[in-house]
N, C-alpha and C. Protein backbone atom coordinates (compact mmCIF):
# COMPACT_ATOMS: atom_id res chain seq x y z
N MET A 1 2.49 7.26 -31.88
CA MET A 1 3.32 7.58 -30.77
C MET A 1 1.66 8.08 -30.06
N ALA A 2 1.70 8.35 -28.30
CA ALA A 2 1.18 8.55 -27.64
C ALA A 2 1.35 10.25 -27.29
N SER A 3 -0.04 9.91 -27.20
CA SER A 3 -0.18 11.77 -25.99
C SER A 3 0.13 11.77 -25.04
N LYS A 4 0.38 13.08 -24.27
CA LYS A 4 0.92 13.06 -22.74
C LYS A 4 -0.27 12.07 -21.66
N SER A 5 -1.80 13.18 -22.22
CA SER A 5 -2.91 12.30 -21.42
C SER A 5 -2.69 10.66 -21.13
N SER A 6 -2.53 9.91 -22.41
CA SER A 6 -2.33 8.64 -22.47
C SER A 6 -1.22 8.31 -21.72
N LYS A 7 -0.06 9.26 -22.16
CA LYS A 7 1.28 8.38 -21.26
C LYS A 7 0.68 8.55 -19.21
N LYS A 8 0.28 10.13 -19.01
CA LYS A 8 -0.11 9.86 -18.17
C LYS A 8 -1.41 9.20 -16.80
N ARG A 9 -1.77 8.84 -17.86
CA ARG A 9 -2.88 7.62 -17.52
C ARG A 9 -2.02 5.90 -17.13
N LYS A 10 -1.40 5.51 -18.30
CA LYS A 10 -1.13 4.90 -18.13
C LYS A 10 -0.03 4.09 -17.04
N GLU A 11 0.97 5.68 -16.40
CA GLU A 11 1.90 5.64 -15.98
C GLU A 11 0.75 5.70 -14.16
N ALA A 12 -0.25 5.87 -13.74
CA ALA A 12 -1.13 6.22 -12.87
C ALA A 12 -1.82 5.03 -12.16
N ASP A 13 -1.93 4.11 -13.68
CA ASP A 13 -2.67 2.71 -13.33
C ASP A 13 -1.29 1.62 -12.21
N PHE A 14 -0.32 1.93 -11.61
CA PHE A 14 -0.27 1.66 -10.69
C PHE A 14 -0.98 1.18 -9.64
N LEU A 15 -2.36 1.39 -9.52
CA LEU A 15 -2.59 1.75 -8.58
C LEU A 15 -4.51 0.62 -8.31
N ASN A 16 -3.66 -0.30 -9.31
CA ASN A 16 -4.65 -1.10 -10.40
C ASN A 16 -4.86 -2.42 -8.74
N ASP A 17 -3.92 -1.81 -8.10
CA ASP A 17 -3.88 -3.58 -7.40
C ASP A 17 -3.27 -2.54 -5.78
N GLY A 18 -3.96 -1.72 -5.78
CA GLY A 18 -3.13 -1.42 -3.90
C GLY A 18 -4.65 -0.27 -3.89
N LEU A 19 -4.30 0.90 -3.01
CA LEU A 19 -5.40 1.29 -1.89
C LEU A 19 -5.39 2.65 -2.28
N SER A 20 -6.58 3.00 -2.18
CA SER A 20 -7.58 4.99 -2.26
C SER A 20 -6.15 5.48 -1.41
N SER A 21 -6.35 6.37 -1.46
CA SER A 21 -5.52 7.94 -0.29
C SER A 21 -6.33 7.88 0.06
N ASP A 22 -7.59 7.59 0.33
CA ASP A 22 -8.25 8.00 1.55
C ASP A 22 -8.24 6.56 2.61
N ASN A 23 -8.18 5.38 1.84
CA ASN A 23 -7.75 3.81 2.73
C ASN A 23 -6.47 4.13 2.92
N ILE A 24 -6.16 4.72 2.25
CA ILE A 24 -3.78 4.80 3.06
C ILE A 24 -3.91 5.63 4.02
N LYS A 25 -4.85 6.81 4.10
CA LYS A 25 -4.88 7.90 5.34
C LYS A 25 -6.08 6.88 6.88
N ASN A 26 -6.69 6.14 6.09
CA ASN A 26 -7.70 5.89 7.38
C ASN A 26 -6.77 4.71 7.94
N ILE A 27 -5.54 4.33 7.16
CA ILE A 27 -5.05 2.39 8.13
C ILE A 27 -4.07 3.55 8.53
N VAL A 28 -3.40 4.88 7.87
CA VAL A 28 -2.02 5.50 8.87
C VAL A 28 -2.85 5.86 10.09
N GLN A 29 -3.64 6.53 10.02
CA GLN A 29 -4.42 7.44 11.54
C GLN A 29 -4.57 5.97 12.11
N GLU A 30 -6.22 4.59 11.88
CA GLU A 30 -6.24 3.90 12.69
C GLU A 30 -4.05 3.26 13.32
N ILE A 31 -3.87 3.07 13.07
CA ILE A 31 -2.09 2.41 13.42
C ILE A 31 -1.69 3.89 14.81
N MET A 32 -1.34 5.10 14.22
CA MET A 32 -1.47 5.79 14.96
C MET A 32 -2.24 5.71 16.13
N LEU A 33 -3.38 5.64 16.28
CA LEU A 33 -4.12 6.11 17.06
C LEU A 33 -3.65 4.94 18.09
N TYR A 34 -4.03 3.06 17.49
CA TYR A 34 -3.60 2.38 18.03
C TYR A 34 -2.29 1.89 18.54
N MET A 35 -0.98 2.32 18.26
CA MET A 35 0.06 2.59 19.25
C MET A 35 -0.10 3.63 19.92
N THR A 36 -0.75 4.79 19.95
CA THR A 36 -0.60 5.61 21.10
C THR A 36 -1.34 5.03 22.49
N GLU A 37 -2.52 4.63 22.27
CA GLU A 37 -3.99 4.37 22.85
C GLU A 37 -2.29 2.17 23.62
N ASN A 38 -1.80 2.49 23.20
CA ASN A 38 -1.80 0.74 23.44
C ASN A 38 -0.24 0.36 24.10
N LYS A 39 0.60 2.24 23.18
CA LYS A 39 2.27 1.49 23.78
C LYS A 39 2.55 1.17 25.35
N SER A 40 1.93 2.03 26.01
CA SER A 40 2.33 1.58 28.17
C SER A 40 1.75 0.14 28.11
N LYS A 41 0.63 -1.00 26.83
CA LYS A 41 0.14 -1.74 27.30
C LYS A 41 1.37 -2.86 27.54
N CYS A 42 2.16 -2.17 26.68
CA CYS A 42 3.44 -3.69 26.00
C CYS A 42 4.68 -3.59 26.89
N SER A 43 5.79 -4.49 26.61
CA SER A 43 6.79 -4.38 27.26
C SER A 43 7.85 -4.06 26.40
N SER A 44 7.41 -4.11 24.95
CA SER A 44 7.82 -3.78 23.99
C SER A 44 7.19 -2.64 22.42
N HIS A 45 8.08 -2.41 21.69
CA HIS A 45 7.96 -2.05 20.27
C HIS A 45 7.20 -3.13 19.39
N GLU A 46 8.49 -4.01 19.73
CA GLU A 46 7.57 -5.46 19.18
C GLU A 46 6.56 -6.04 19.09
N GLU A 47 6.16 -6.08 20.39
CA GLU A 47 5.31 -7.00 20.64
C GLU A 47 3.93 -6.04 20.66
N LEU A 48 4.08 -4.75 20.33
CA LEU A 48 3.20 -3.65 20.61
C LEU A 48 2.57 -4.12 18.95
N LEU A 49 3.39 -3.71 18.03
CA LEU A 49 3.50 -4.48 16.00
C LEU A 49 2.78 -5.46 16.14
N ASN A 50 3.38 -6.92 16.86
CA ASN A 50 2.81 -7.52 16.80
C ASN A 50 1.38 -7.89 16.96
N LYS A 51 1.03 -7.18 18.63
CA LYS A 51 0.64 -7.17 18.95
C LYS A 51 -1.04 -6.21 17.24
N MET A 52 -0.48 -5.59 17.14
CA MET A 52 -1.73 -4.05 16.45
C MET A 52 -1.66 -5.16 15.28
N LYS A 53 -0.86 -5.80 14.65
CA LYS A 53 -1.44 -6.43 13.58
C LYS A 53 -1.99 -7.46 13.60
N GLN A 54 -2.94 -8.27 14.68
CA GLN A 54 -3.65 -8.98 15.27
C GLN A 54 -5.47 -8.45 14.62
N VAL A 55 -5.00 -6.98 15.25
CA VAL A 55 -6.24 -6.30 15.01
C VAL A 55 -6.98 -5.67 14.29
N ILE A 56 -5.33 -5.07 13.39
CA ILE A 56 -6.11 -3.49 12.77
C ILE A 56 -6.84 -4.82 11.57
N ASP A 57 -7.09 -4.51 10.69
CA ASP A 57 -8.32 -5.10 9.48
C ASP A 57 -7.01 -4.44 8.31
N GLY A 58 -6.44 -5.16 7.48
CA GLY A 58 -6.10 -4.65 5.97
C GLY A 58 -4.72 -4.44 6.42
N ILE A 59 -4.32 -4.66 8.21
CA ILE A 59 -2.22 -3.91 8.07
C ILE A 59 -1.74 -5.00 7.38
N THR A 60 -2.36 -6.72 7.79
CA THR A 60 -1.18 -7.11 6.43
C THR A 60 -0.87 -6.72 4.96
N PHE A 61 -1.35 -6.15 4.44
CA PHE A 61 -2.05 -6.21 2.75
C PHE A 61 -1.36 -5.07 2.71
N PHE A 62 -1.99 -3.81 3.67
CA PHE A 62 -0.73 -2.24 4.17
C PHE A 62 0.79 -2.65 3.68
N GLU A 63 0.49 -3.07 4.61
CA GLU A 63 2.41 -3.54 5.07
C GLU A 63 2.84 -4.02 4.04
N GLU A 64 2.64 -5.47 2.89
CA GLU A 64 3.20 -5.97 1.85
C GLU A 64 3.34 -5.11 1.00
N ARG A 65 2.02 -3.69 0.11
CA ARG A 65 2.03 -3.95 -0.33
C ARG A 65 2.62 -2.34 -0.46
N TYR A 66 2.91 -1.46 0.65
CA TYR A 66 3.09 -0.21 1.04
C TYR A 66 4.39 -0.29 2.12
N PRO A 67 5.32 -1.28 1.56
CA PRO A 67 6.40 -1.45 3.10
C PRO A 67 7.48 -0.72 3.79
N MET A 68 7.12 0.68 2.92
CA MET A 68 8.58 1.74 3.43
C MET A 68 7.31 2.71 3.62
N LEU A 69 6.16 2.81 3.72
CA LEU A 69 5.31 3.30 4.75
C LEU A 69 4.72 2.81 5.67
N TYR A 70 4.67 2.15 5.63
CA TYR A 70 4.96 0.59 7.32
C TYR A 70 5.22 0.99 7.70
N ALA A 71 7.34 1.40 7.12
CA ALA A 71 7.94 0.89 8.21
C ALA A 71 7.89 2.50 8.52
N MET A 72 7.18 3.38 7.84
CA MET A 72 7.93 4.61 8.19
C MET A 72 6.70 5.20 9.19
N VAL A 73 5.56 5.05 9.26
CA VAL A 73 4.10 4.85 10.23
C VAL A 73 5.13 4.56 11.53
N THR A 74 4.82 3.09 11.54
CA THR A 74 5.47 2.41 12.44
C THR A 74 6.43 2.73 13.56
N LYS A 75 7.94 3.58 13.23
CA LYS A 75 8.78 3.94 13.90
C LYS A 75 8.15 4.34 14.90
N GLU A 76 9.32 3.37 15.85
CA GLU A 76 9.25 4.19 17.12
C GLU A 76 8.97 5.28 17.78
N GLU A 77 9.69 6.18 17.03
CA GLU A 77 9.80 8.04 17.23
C GLU A 77 8.54 8.11 17.15
N GLY A 78 7.47 8.20 15.91
CA GLY A 78 6.54 8.44 15.71
C GLY A 78 7.30 9.12 13.88
N PHE A 79 6.32 9.46 13.48
CA PHE A 79 6.63 10.19 11.99
C PHE A 79 5.35 11.53 11.87
N ASP A 80 6.10 12.68 10.99
CA ASP A 80 5.41 13.88 10.88
C ASP A 80 4.12 13.01 9.65
N TYR A 81 3.13 13.04 9.93
CA TYR A 81 1.39 13.10 9.48
C TYR A 81 1.75 13.90 7.40
N ALA A 82 2.35 15.71 7.79
CA ALA A 82 2.02 16.34 7.75
C ALA A 82 3.05 16.15 6.10
N SER A 83 3.72 15.49 6.60
CA SER A 83 3.95 14.44 4.86
C SER A 83 3.02 13.22 4.63
N LEU A 84 2.80 12.94 4.75
CA LEU A 84 2.45 12.19 4.54
C LEU A 84 1.08 12.86 3.50
N GLU A 85 0.78 13.68 4.15
CA GLU A 85 -0.51 14.43 4.08
C GLU A 85 -0.40 14.92 2.29
N TYR A 86 1.30 15.80 1.97
CA TYR A 86 1.38 16.03 1.46
C TYR A 86 2.13 14.84 0.12
N PHE A 87 2.21 13.35 0.30
CA PHE A 87 2.76 12.45 -0.47
C PHE A 87 1.66 12.57 -1.06
N LEU A 88 0.31 12.52 -0.07
CA LEU A 88 -1.05 11.72 -0.18
C LEU A 88 -1.35 12.90 -1.83
N ASN A 89 -1.45 13.64 -1.27
CA ASN A 89 -2.02 14.96 -2.18
C ASN A 89 -1.51 15.02 -3.63
N MET A 90 -0.10 14.57 -3.67
CA MET A 90 0.74 14.82 -4.99
C MET A 90 -0.27 12.52 -5.74
N ARG A 91 0.52 12.04 -5.02
CA ARG A 91 -0.32 11.13 -5.40
C ARG A 91 -1.16 10.78 -6.29
N ASN A 92 -2.84 12.01 -5.52
CA ASN A 92 -4.05 12.05 -6.01
C ASN A 92 -4.00 12.98 -6.98
N LYS A 93 -2.47 14.02 -6.73
CA LYS A 93 -2.96 14.66 -9.22
C LYS A 93 -2.27 13.59 -10.21
N ILE A 94 -1.95 12.89 -9.20
CA ILE A 94 -0.77 11.35 -10.40
C ILE A 94 -2.83 11.13 -11.36
N ILE A 95 -2.95 10.78 -9.97
CA ILE A 95 -4.31 9.74 -10.13
C ILE A 95 -5.01 10.47 -11.51
N ASN A 96 -5.32 11.44 -11.16
CA ASN A 96 -6.32 12.46 -11.61
C ASN A 96 -6.12 13.35 -13.00
N ASN A 97 -4.73 12.43 -13.00
CA ASN A 97 -3.85 12.88 -14.56
C ASN A 97 -3.51 14.70 -14.89
N GLU A 98 -3.50 15.01 -13.30
CA GLU A 98 -2.90 16.92 -13.01
C GLU A 98 -1.31 16.90 -13.29
N LEU A 99 -0.75 15.44 -13.11
CA LEU A 99 0.50 15.62 -12.74
C LEU A 99 0.91 14.20 -13.39
N SER A 100 2.49 14.38 -14.79
CA SER A 100 2.62 12.95 -14.50
C SER A 100 3.06 12.27 -13.40
N VAL A 101 4.06 10.80 -13.21
CA VAL A 101 4.80 10.71 -12.33
C VAL A 101 6.07 11.13 -12.22
N GLU A 102 6.07 11.52 -13.37
CA GLU A 102 7.79 12.12 -13.59
C GLU A 102 7.75 13.76 -13.47
N GLU A 103 6.88 14.35 -13.15
CA GLU A 103 6.86 15.78 -13.00
C GLU A 103 6.44 16.12 -11.35
N ALA A 104 5.56 14.80 -10.38
CA ALA A 104 5.40 14.67 -9.69
C ALA A 104 6.56 14.90 -8.73
N SER A 105 7.28 13.79 -9.25
CA SER A 105 8.23 13.47 -8.28
C SER A 105 9.63 14.52 -8.80
N LYS A 106 9.85 15.13 -9.49
CA LYS A 106 10.56 16.80 -9.23
C LYS A 106 9.78 17.15 -8.80
N GLU A 107 8.43 17.42 -8.34
CA GLU A 107 8.44 18.84 -7.82
C GLU A 107 8.60 18.22 -6.04
N VAL A 108 8.64 17.25 -6.03
CA VAL A 108 8.79 16.41 -4.50
C VAL A 108 10.66 16.52 -3.95
N GLY A 109 10.95 16.51 -5.05
CA GLY A 109 12.47 16.41 -5.35
C GLY A 109 13.28 17.59 -4.85
N GLN A 110 12.20 18.69 -5.70
CA GLN A 110 12.48 20.33 -4.99
C GLN A 110 11.94 20.40 -3.95
N VAL A 111 10.71 20.27 -3.14
CA VAL A 111 10.42 20.37 -2.78
C VAL A 111 11.02 20.28 -0.86
N TRP A 112 11.70 18.78 -1.05
CA TRP A 112 11.70 18.30 0.04
C TRP A 112 13.97 18.72 -0.08
N PHE A 113 14.07 19.21 -0.99
CA PHE A 113 15.96 19.42 -1.48
C PHE A 113 15.59 21.15 -0.73
N ASP A 114 14.71 21.49 -0.50
CA ASP A 114 14.59 23.10 -0.32
C ASP A 114 14.21 22.86 1.78
N LYS A 115 13.65 21.88 1.67
CA LYS A 115 12.83 21.49 2.99
C LYS A 115 14.42 21.40 3.86
N TYR A 116 15.41 20.49 3.34
CA TYR A 116 16.36 19.47 4.56
C TYR A 116 17.47 19.88 4.14
N CYS A 117 17.72 20.06 2.48
CA CYS A 117 19.20 20.44 2.17
C CYS A 117 19.81 21.84 1.59
N LYS A 118 19.05 22.59 1.32
CA LYS A 118 18.80 24.05 1.11
C LYS A 118 19.43 25.67 2.50
N ILE A 119 21.00 25.71 1.91
CA ILE A 119 20.84 26.45 2.91
C ILE A 119 20.39 27.22 2.57
N PRO A 120 19.57 28.66 4.00
CA PRO A 120 19.08 29.83 3.84
C PRO A 120 20.01 30.86 3.51
N LYS A 121 19.53 31.77 2.75
CA LYS A 121 20.49 32.86 3.07
C LYS A 121 20.61 34.18 4.56
N ASN A 122 21.18 33.99 5.16
CA ASN A 122 21.62 35.00 6.46
C ASN A 122 22.70 35.33 6.00
């Protein structure tokens, strides 16, 4: 029977073909900066995204490896960077064997439920 720590390590092995949390933050910040600086120079959001893909190194891999995150970051209306920071913090806890994937998922689910679904007691 596998110990709890070996189970956590096995679950965190999904990182072998991905980016570090710092690399993810860096590319997200680069995307945000590019979109902010070049939005008015493009006739459409699609044109902005196409031009951005020609300029930012690693963006194609980022889009393929993290399609939901890419879609979230490149939404025309923008996104909540604090949420990204929270998720990357939880990801780091998984990587560092501080939480299992299941534990992190439960914690994130509870936080988001409390934030968006729970009716305040007033």
